[in-house]
N, C-alpha and C. Protein backbone atom coordinates (compact mmCIF):
# COMPACT_ATOMS: atom_id res chain seq x y z
N MET A 1 -32.74 -25.98 -3.98
CA MET A 1 -32.97 -24.58 -3.67
C MET A 1 -32.14 -24.15 -2.46
N LEU A 2 -32.15 -24.98 -1.41
CA LEU A 2 -31.36 -24.64 -0.22
C LEU A 2 -29.87 -24.59 -0.54
N GLY A 3 -29.44 -25.47 -1.44
CA GLY A 3 -28.04 -25.49 -1.83
C GLY A 3 -27.61 -24.18 -2.45
N LYS A 4 -28.46 -23.62 -3.30
CA LYS A 4 -28.14 -22.33 -3.93
C LYS A 4 -28.10 -21.21 -2.90
N LEU A 5 -29.08 -21.24 -1.99
CA LEU A 5 -29.14 -20.20 -0.95
C LEU A 5 -27.91 -20.25 -0.06
N PHE A 6 -27.57 -21.45 0.41
CA PHE A 6 -26.41 -21.57 1.28
C PHE A 6 -25.12 -21.33 0.51
N GLY A 7 -25.10 -21.73 -0.77
CA GLY A 7 -23.91 -21.49 -1.59
C GLY A 7 -23.61 -20.02 -1.73
N LYS A 8 -24.64 -19.21 -1.92
CA LYS A 8 -24.45 -17.76 -2.03
C LYS A 8 -23.97 -17.17 -0.72
N LYS A 9 -24.52 -17.66 0.38
CA LYS A 9 -24.11 -17.15 1.70
C LYS A 9 -22.67 -17.54 2.01
N VAL A 10 -22.31 -18.76 1.66
CA VAL A 10 -20.94 -19.22 1.88
C VAL A 10 -19.97 -18.39 1.03
N ALA A 11 -20.32 -18.15 -0.22
CA ALA A 11 -19.46 -17.35 -1.09
C ALA A 11 -19.30 -15.93 -0.55
N ALA A 12 -20.40 -15.36 -0.06
CA ALA A 12 -20.34 -14.01 0.51
C ALA A 12 -19.48 -13.99 1.77
N ALA A 13 -19.62 -15.02 2.59
CA ALA A 13 -18.82 -15.11 3.82
C ALA A 13 -17.33 -15.25 3.49
N LYS A 14 -17.01 -16.07 2.48
CA LYS A 14 -15.61 -16.23 2.07
C LYS A 14 -15.04 -14.91 1.56
N ALA A 15 -15.82 -14.16 0.82
CA ALA A 15 -15.37 -12.86 0.31
C ALA A 15 -15.08 -11.90 1.45
N GLU A 16 -15.92 -11.91 2.48
CA GLU A 16 -15.70 -11.03 3.64
C GLU A 16 -14.46 -11.43 4.42
N VAL A 17 -14.23 -12.74 4.57
CA VAL A 17 -13.04 -13.21 5.28
C VAL A 17 -11.78 -12.80 4.52
N LYS A 18 -11.81 -12.98 3.19
CA LYS A 18 -10.66 -12.58 2.36
C LYS A 18 -10.40 -11.08 2.51
N LYS A 19 -11.46 -10.32 2.53
CA LYS A 19 -11.34 -8.87 2.67
C LYS A 19 -10.70 -8.51 4.02
N LEU A 20 -11.14 -9.18 5.09
CA LEU A 20 -10.56 -8.94 6.41
C LEU A 20 -9.08 -9.31 6.45
N GLU A 21 -8.75 -10.44 5.81
CA GLU A 21 -7.36 -10.89 5.79
C GLU A 21 -6.47 -9.90 5.04
N ASN A 22 -7.01 -9.26 4.02
CA ASN A 22 -6.21 -8.37 3.18
C ASN A 22 -6.29 -6.90 3.59
N ARG A 23 -7.04 -6.56 4.62
CA ARG A 23 -7.19 -5.16 5.02
C ARG A 23 -5.85 -4.54 5.41
N ASP A 24 -5.06 -5.23 6.21
CA ASP A 24 -3.75 -4.69 6.61
C ASP A 24 -2.86 -4.48 5.39
N LEU A 25 -2.89 -5.43 4.45
CA LEU A 25 -2.10 -5.29 3.23
C LEU A 25 -2.56 -4.07 2.45
N MET A 26 -3.85 -3.91 2.30
CA MET A 26 -4.39 -2.77 1.54
C MET A 26 -3.96 -1.45 2.18
N GLU A 27 -4.10 -1.34 3.49
CA GLU A 27 -3.73 -0.10 4.17
C GLU A 27 -2.23 0.16 4.09
N ALA A 28 -1.42 -0.89 4.23
CA ALA A 28 0.03 -0.74 4.14
C ALA A 28 0.45 -0.36 2.72
N LEU A 29 -0.16 -0.98 1.73
CA LEU A 29 0.20 -0.71 0.34
C LEU A 29 -0.18 0.70 -0.06
N VAL A 30 -1.41 1.09 0.20
CA VAL A 30 -1.86 2.44 -0.16
C VAL A 30 -1.05 3.48 0.63
N GLY A 31 -0.92 3.27 1.92
CA GLY A 31 -0.17 4.21 2.75
C GLY A 31 1.30 4.28 2.37
N GLY A 32 1.91 3.13 2.13
CA GLY A 32 3.32 3.09 1.76
C GLY A 32 3.59 3.81 0.44
N CYS A 33 2.69 3.61 -0.51
CA CYS A 33 2.84 4.29 -1.80
C CYS A 33 2.72 5.80 -1.64
N LEU A 34 1.79 6.23 -0.81
CA LEU A 34 1.67 7.67 -0.56
C LEU A 34 2.87 8.20 0.21
N LEU A 35 3.40 7.40 1.11
CA LEU A 35 4.58 7.81 1.88
C LEU A 35 5.75 8.11 0.95
N VAL A 36 6.01 7.24 0.01
CA VAL A 36 7.12 7.48 -0.91
C VAL A 36 6.77 8.60 -1.91
N ALA A 37 5.52 8.69 -2.29
CA ALA A 37 5.11 9.75 -3.22
C ALA A 37 5.28 11.13 -2.59
N TYR A 38 4.96 11.24 -1.31
CA TYR A 38 5.08 12.52 -0.61
C TYR A 38 6.50 12.78 -0.08
N ALA A 39 7.43 11.88 -0.31
CA ALA A 39 8.79 12.04 0.22
C ALA A 39 9.42 13.35 -0.24
N ASP A 40 9.09 13.78 -1.44
CA ASP A 40 9.65 15.04 -1.97
C ASP A 40 8.75 16.23 -1.70
N GLY A 41 7.69 16.02 -0.91
CA GLY A 41 6.83 17.12 -0.50
C GLY A 41 5.55 17.28 -1.29
N GLU A 42 5.41 16.53 -2.40
CA GLU A 42 4.19 16.65 -3.18
C GLU A 42 3.83 15.32 -3.85
N LEU A 43 2.55 15.15 -4.05
CA LEU A 43 2.04 13.97 -4.76
C LEU A 43 1.90 14.34 -6.23
N GLU A 44 2.74 13.75 -7.06
CA GLU A 44 2.72 14.06 -8.49
C GLU A 44 1.66 13.22 -9.21
N ALA A 45 1.16 13.76 -10.31
CA ALA A 45 0.11 13.08 -11.07
C ALA A 45 0.55 11.69 -11.54
N ALA A 46 1.80 11.56 -11.96
CA ALA A 46 2.31 10.26 -12.43
C ALA A 46 2.30 9.23 -11.30
N GLU A 47 2.60 9.69 -10.09
CA GLU A 47 2.61 8.79 -8.94
C GLU A 47 1.19 8.33 -8.58
N LEU A 48 0.26 9.26 -8.58
CA LEU A 48 -1.13 8.91 -8.27
C LEU A 48 -1.70 8.00 -9.34
N ASP A 49 -1.40 8.28 -10.59
CA ASP A 49 -1.88 7.44 -11.69
C ASP A 49 -1.33 6.02 -11.55
N ASN A 50 -0.06 5.91 -11.21
CA ASN A 50 0.54 4.59 -11.04
C ASN A 50 -0.09 3.85 -9.87
N LEU A 51 -0.34 4.55 -8.78
CA LEU A 51 -0.98 3.92 -7.62
C LEU A 51 -2.35 3.38 -7.99
N GLU A 52 -3.12 4.15 -8.72
CA GLU A 52 -4.45 3.70 -9.15
C GLU A 52 -4.34 2.45 -10.02
N LYS A 53 -3.36 2.39 -10.90
CA LYS A 53 -3.15 1.22 -11.75
C LYS A 53 -2.76 0.00 -10.92
N GLN A 54 -1.89 0.21 -9.93
CA GLN A 54 -1.49 -0.91 -9.07
C GLN A 54 -2.68 -1.47 -8.29
N ILE A 55 -3.52 -0.59 -7.78
CA ILE A 55 -4.69 -1.01 -7.03
C ILE A 55 -5.62 -1.82 -7.92
N ALA A 56 -5.86 -1.33 -9.13
CA ALA A 56 -6.76 -2.02 -10.05
C ALA A 56 -6.23 -3.38 -10.46
N ALA A 57 -4.92 -3.53 -10.54
CA ALA A 57 -4.30 -4.77 -11.01
C ALA A 57 -4.03 -5.79 -9.91
N ASN A 58 -4.24 -5.42 -8.66
CA ASN A 58 -3.88 -6.29 -7.54
C ASN A 58 -5.09 -7.11 -7.08
N PRO A 59 -5.07 -8.44 -7.31
CA PRO A 59 -6.21 -9.27 -6.92
C PRO A 59 -6.46 -9.29 -5.40
N ALA A 60 -5.44 -9.04 -4.61
CA ALA A 60 -5.61 -9.03 -3.16
C ALA A 60 -6.45 -7.85 -2.70
N LEU A 61 -6.61 -6.85 -3.56
CA LEU A 61 -7.35 -5.65 -3.19
C LEU A 61 -8.76 -5.64 -3.76
N GLU A 62 -9.15 -6.71 -4.42
CA GLU A 62 -10.50 -6.81 -4.95
C GLU A 62 -11.50 -6.80 -3.80
N GLY A 63 -12.61 -6.21 -4.02
CA GLY A 63 -13.67 -6.23 -3.02
C GLY A 63 -13.66 -5.05 -2.07
N PHE A 64 -12.60 -4.25 -2.11
CA PHE A 64 -12.56 -3.09 -1.22
C PHE A 64 -13.28 -1.89 -1.80
N GLY A 65 -13.31 -1.79 -3.12
CA GLY A 65 -14.05 -0.73 -3.79
C GLY A 65 -13.80 0.65 -3.21
N GLY A 66 -14.89 1.30 -2.79
CA GLY A 66 -14.83 2.65 -2.25
C GLY A 66 -14.02 2.79 -0.99
N GLU A 67 -13.81 1.68 -0.30
CA GLU A 67 -13.01 1.72 0.94
C GLU A 67 -11.57 2.13 0.64
N ILE A 68 -11.04 1.70 -0.50
CA ILE A 68 -9.68 2.10 -0.89
C ILE A 68 -9.63 3.61 -1.09
N ASN A 69 -10.64 4.14 -1.75
CA ASN A 69 -10.69 5.59 -1.95
C ASN A 69 -10.75 6.33 -0.62
N ALA A 70 -11.48 5.79 0.34
CA ALA A 70 -11.57 6.42 1.66
C ALA A 70 -10.21 6.40 2.36
N ILE A 71 -9.49 5.30 2.28
CA ILE A 71 -8.15 5.19 2.88
C ILE A 71 -7.19 6.13 2.17
N LEU A 72 -7.27 6.16 0.85
CA LEU A 72 -6.43 7.06 0.06
C LEU A 72 -6.66 8.51 0.47
N SER A 73 -7.91 8.87 0.59
CA SER A 73 -8.27 10.23 0.99
C SER A 73 -7.80 10.54 2.41
N LYS A 74 -7.99 9.59 3.32
CA LYS A 74 -7.59 9.79 4.72
C LYS A 74 -6.07 10.01 4.83
N PHE A 75 -5.29 9.15 4.17
CA PHE A 75 -3.84 9.29 4.23
C PHE A 75 -3.39 10.59 3.54
N THR A 76 -4.00 10.92 2.41
CA THR A 76 -3.66 12.14 1.71
C THR A 76 -3.90 13.36 2.60
N GLN A 77 -5.03 13.37 3.30
CA GLN A 77 -5.33 14.48 4.21
C GLN A 77 -4.29 14.56 5.32
N MET A 78 -3.84 13.42 5.81
CA MET A 78 -2.81 13.42 6.86
C MET A 78 -1.51 14.02 6.35
N PHE A 79 -1.09 13.61 5.15
CA PHE A 79 0.15 14.14 4.59
C PHE A 79 0.02 15.63 4.30
N GLU A 80 -1.14 16.06 3.85
CA GLU A 80 -1.36 17.47 3.57
C GLU A 80 -1.38 18.29 4.87
N ALA A 81 -1.92 17.70 5.94
CA ALA A 81 -1.98 18.39 7.24
C ALA A 81 -0.59 18.53 7.85
N GLY A 82 0.22 17.53 7.66
CA GLY A 82 1.57 17.55 8.20
C GLY A 82 2.27 16.25 7.86
N PRO A 83 3.39 16.32 7.15
CA PRO A 83 4.08 15.11 6.71
C PRO A 83 4.41 14.13 7.84
N LEU A 84 4.74 14.65 9.00
CA LEU A 84 5.09 13.75 10.11
C LEU A 84 3.88 12.96 10.61
N ILE A 85 2.70 13.56 10.54
CA ILE A 85 1.48 12.85 10.94
C ILE A 85 1.24 11.69 9.98
N GLY A 86 1.29 11.97 8.69
CA GLY A 86 1.09 10.93 7.69
C GLY A 86 2.13 9.84 7.80
N GLN A 87 3.37 10.25 7.97
CA GLN A 87 4.47 9.29 8.08
C GLN A 87 4.28 8.36 9.27
N MET A 88 3.93 8.92 10.41
CA MET A 88 3.74 8.12 11.62
C MET A 88 2.63 7.08 11.42
N LYS A 89 1.50 7.52 10.91
CA LYS A 89 0.36 6.63 10.73
C LYS A 89 0.68 5.53 9.72
N VAL A 90 1.29 5.90 8.61
CA VAL A 90 1.61 4.91 7.58
C VAL A 90 2.64 3.91 8.08
N MET A 91 3.64 4.35 8.80
CA MET A 91 4.64 3.41 9.32
C MET A 91 3.99 2.40 10.26
N ARG A 92 2.98 2.82 11.00
CA ARG A 92 2.24 1.88 11.85
C ARG A 92 1.49 0.86 11.01
N GLU A 93 0.90 1.32 9.92
CA GLU A 93 0.17 0.40 9.02
C GLU A 93 1.14 -0.59 8.38
N ILE A 94 2.29 -0.11 7.98
CA ILE A 94 3.30 -0.97 7.37
C ILE A 94 3.80 -2.00 8.38
N ALA A 95 3.98 -1.59 9.61
CA ALA A 95 4.44 -2.51 10.65
C ALA A 95 3.46 -3.68 10.84
N ASP A 96 2.19 -3.45 10.54
CA ASP A 96 1.18 -4.50 10.70
C ASP A 96 1.42 -5.70 9.78
N ILE A 97 2.14 -5.51 8.68
CA ILE A 97 2.34 -6.60 7.73
C ILE A 97 3.76 -7.16 7.75
N LYS A 98 4.60 -6.67 8.63
CA LYS A 98 6.02 -7.03 8.59
C LYS A 98 6.30 -8.50 8.89
N THR A 99 5.37 -9.21 9.49
CA THR A 99 5.61 -10.63 9.78
C THR A 99 5.38 -11.52 8.55
N SER A 100 4.81 -10.96 7.50
CA SER A 100 4.60 -11.72 6.26
C SER A 100 5.62 -11.28 5.23
N LYS A 101 6.54 -12.18 4.89
CA LYS A 101 7.57 -11.86 3.90
C LYS A 101 6.93 -11.50 2.56
N GLU A 102 5.91 -12.25 2.17
CA GLU A 102 5.24 -12.01 0.89
C GLU A 102 4.59 -10.62 0.85
N GLU A 103 3.86 -10.27 1.90
CA GLU A 103 3.21 -8.96 1.94
C GLU A 103 4.22 -7.84 2.07
N SER A 104 5.29 -8.08 2.83
CA SER A 104 6.34 -7.07 2.96
C SER A 104 6.96 -6.75 1.61
N GLU A 105 7.28 -7.78 0.86
CA GLU A 105 7.86 -7.57 -0.47
C GLU A 105 6.86 -6.89 -1.40
N GLU A 106 5.59 -7.28 -1.31
CA GLU A 106 4.57 -6.68 -2.16
C GLU A 106 4.45 -5.18 -1.91
N VAL A 107 4.43 -4.80 -0.64
CA VAL A 107 4.33 -3.38 -0.29
C VAL A 107 5.60 -2.65 -0.73
N PHE A 108 6.75 -3.24 -0.49
CA PHE A 108 8.00 -2.59 -0.85
C PHE A 108 8.10 -2.38 -2.36
N VAL A 109 7.76 -3.40 -3.13
CA VAL A 109 7.83 -3.29 -4.59
C VAL A 109 6.83 -2.25 -5.09
N ALA A 110 5.66 -2.20 -4.49
CA ALA A 110 4.67 -1.17 -4.87
C ALA A 110 5.24 0.22 -4.62
N MET A 111 5.89 0.39 -3.47
CA MET A 111 6.49 1.68 -3.14
C MET A 111 7.60 2.04 -4.11
N LEU A 112 8.44 1.08 -4.43
CA LEU A 112 9.54 1.31 -5.37
C LEU A 112 8.99 1.69 -6.75
N THR A 113 7.90 1.05 -7.14
CA THR A 113 7.26 1.36 -8.42
C THR A 113 6.75 2.80 -8.44
N ILE A 114 6.20 3.26 -7.33
CA ILE A 114 5.75 4.65 -7.22
C ILE A 114 6.95 5.60 -7.32
N ALA A 115 8.04 5.25 -6.65
CA ALA A 115 9.24 6.10 -6.70
C ALA A 115 9.76 6.23 -8.13
N GLN A 116 9.60 5.19 -8.93
CA GLN A 116 10.09 5.20 -10.30
C GLN A 116 9.07 5.77 -11.29
N ALA A 117 7.86 6.06 -10.84
CA ALA A 117 6.75 6.45 -11.73
C ALA A 117 7.02 7.71 -12.54
N ASP A 118 7.75 8.65 -11.96
CA ASP A 118 7.99 9.92 -12.69
C ASP A 118 9.32 9.92 -13.43
N GLY A 119 9.96 8.75 -13.51
CA GLY A 119 11.18 8.64 -14.30
C GLY A 119 12.48 8.76 -13.53
N GLU A 120 12.42 9.22 -12.30
CA GLU A 120 13.65 9.31 -11.49
C GLU A 120 13.32 9.05 -10.02
N VAL A 121 14.23 8.34 -9.37
CA VAL A 121 14.08 8.08 -7.95
C VAL A 121 14.94 9.09 -7.21
N GLU A 122 14.29 9.96 -6.48
CA GLU A 122 14.99 11.05 -5.78
C GLU A 122 15.57 10.56 -4.45
N ASP A 123 16.54 11.31 -3.95
CA ASP A 123 17.21 10.94 -2.69
C ASP A 123 16.22 10.80 -1.54
N ALA A 124 15.23 11.69 -1.47
CA ALA A 124 14.24 11.62 -0.39
C ALA A 124 13.42 10.33 -0.49
N GLU A 125 13.15 9.89 -1.72
CA GLU A 125 12.41 8.65 -1.91
C GLU A 125 13.26 7.45 -1.50
N VAL A 126 14.54 7.49 -1.84
CA VAL A 126 15.46 6.41 -1.46
C VAL A 126 15.53 6.32 0.06
N ALA A 127 15.57 7.46 0.73
CA ALA A 127 15.62 7.46 2.20
C ALA A 127 14.37 6.79 2.79
N VAL A 128 13.21 7.08 2.22
CA VAL A 128 11.97 6.45 2.69
C VAL A 128 12.01 4.95 2.42
N LEU A 129 12.46 4.57 1.23
CA LEU A 129 12.54 3.14 0.90
C LEU A 129 13.48 2.40 1.83
N LYS A 130 14.59 3.02 2.18
CA LYS A 130 15.53 2.40 3.11
C LYS A 130 14.89 2.21 4.48
N LYS A 131 14.19 3.23 4.95
CA LYS A 131 13.55 3.16 6.26
C LYS A 131 12.49 2.05 6.29
N VAL A 132 11.68 1.99 5.27
CA VAL A 132 10.63 0.97 5.20
C VAL A 132 11.25 -0.41 5.00
N GLY A 133 12.24 -0.48 4.13
CA GLY A 133 12.92 -1.76 3.91
C GLY A 133 13.52 -2.32 5.18
N GLN A 134 14.09 -1.45 5.99
CA GLN A 134 14.66 -1.89 7.27
C GLN A 134 13.55 -2.40 8.19
N LEU A 135 12.45 -1.68 8.27
CA LEU A 135 11.33 -2.09 9.11
C LEU A 135 10.79 -3.45 8.68
N LEU A 136 10.71 -3.67 7.38
CA LEU A 136 10.12 -4.90 6.85
C LEU A 136 11.12 -6.05 6.73
N GLY A 137 12.40 -5.76 6.91
CA GLY A 137 13.40 -6.81 6.77
C GLY A 137 13.66 -7.18 5.32
N VAL A 138 13.45 -6.22 4.42
CA VAL A 138 13.66 -6.46 2.99
C VAL A 138 15.14 -6.26 2.67
N ASN A 139 15.68 -7.14 1.85
CA ASN A 139 17.06 -7.01 1.40
C ASN A 139 17.09 -5.94 0.31
N LEU A 140 17.54 -4.77 0.67
CA LEU A 140 17.53 -3.62 -0.25
C LEU A 140 18.37 -3.86 -1.50
N ARG A 141 19.43 -4.60 -1.38
CA ARG A 141 20.31 -4.86 -2.53
C ARG A 141 19.58 -5.63 -3.62
N GLU A 142 18.63 -6.48 -3.22
CA GLU A 142 17.87 -7.23 -4.22
C GLU A 142 17.08 -6.28 -5.14
N PHE A 143 16.84 -5.09 -4.66
CA PHE A 143 16.05 -4.12 -5.40
C PHE A 143 16.90 -2.94 -5.92
N GLY A 144 18.22 -3.10 -5.84
CA GLY A 144 19.12 -2.09 -6.38
C GLY A 144 19.28 -0.87 -5.49
N ILE A 145 18.97 -1.00 -4.21
CA ILE A 145 19.09 0.12 -3.28
C ILE A 145 20.18 -0.20 -2.27
N GLU A 146 21.10 0.73 -2.12
CA GLU A 146 22.19 0.51 -1.16
C GLU A 146 22.40 1.73 -0.31
């Protein structure tokens, strides 16, 4: 009986630790995707739909549930209030993951996927991708961006 009780507590503790470890990734990914989506001044339905699909398919984001929606809403409000406010906050969130090559690439690829969601990558989106790629130390040529 004690084994089951402690087993459940250990599992819950492990889930919380994983969630804490992935919080910066979640904020950088959601924020970065919105940053590129708003690069042309508006969040298009195809971009939002793609972001929701990426979130649902990403195992690193499991367990955040409604917290992702809260972050999404917070960043969206910032971009709606003023693009520079949203941009500043998101770039800070992205900087939090720049020491991890794996997380940097994950965020960059997610952003690139959002840029491609509506069928064309616009110049403003490319500019954002270049800026983020430089911050993260991503080799832009590997992703077809020069």
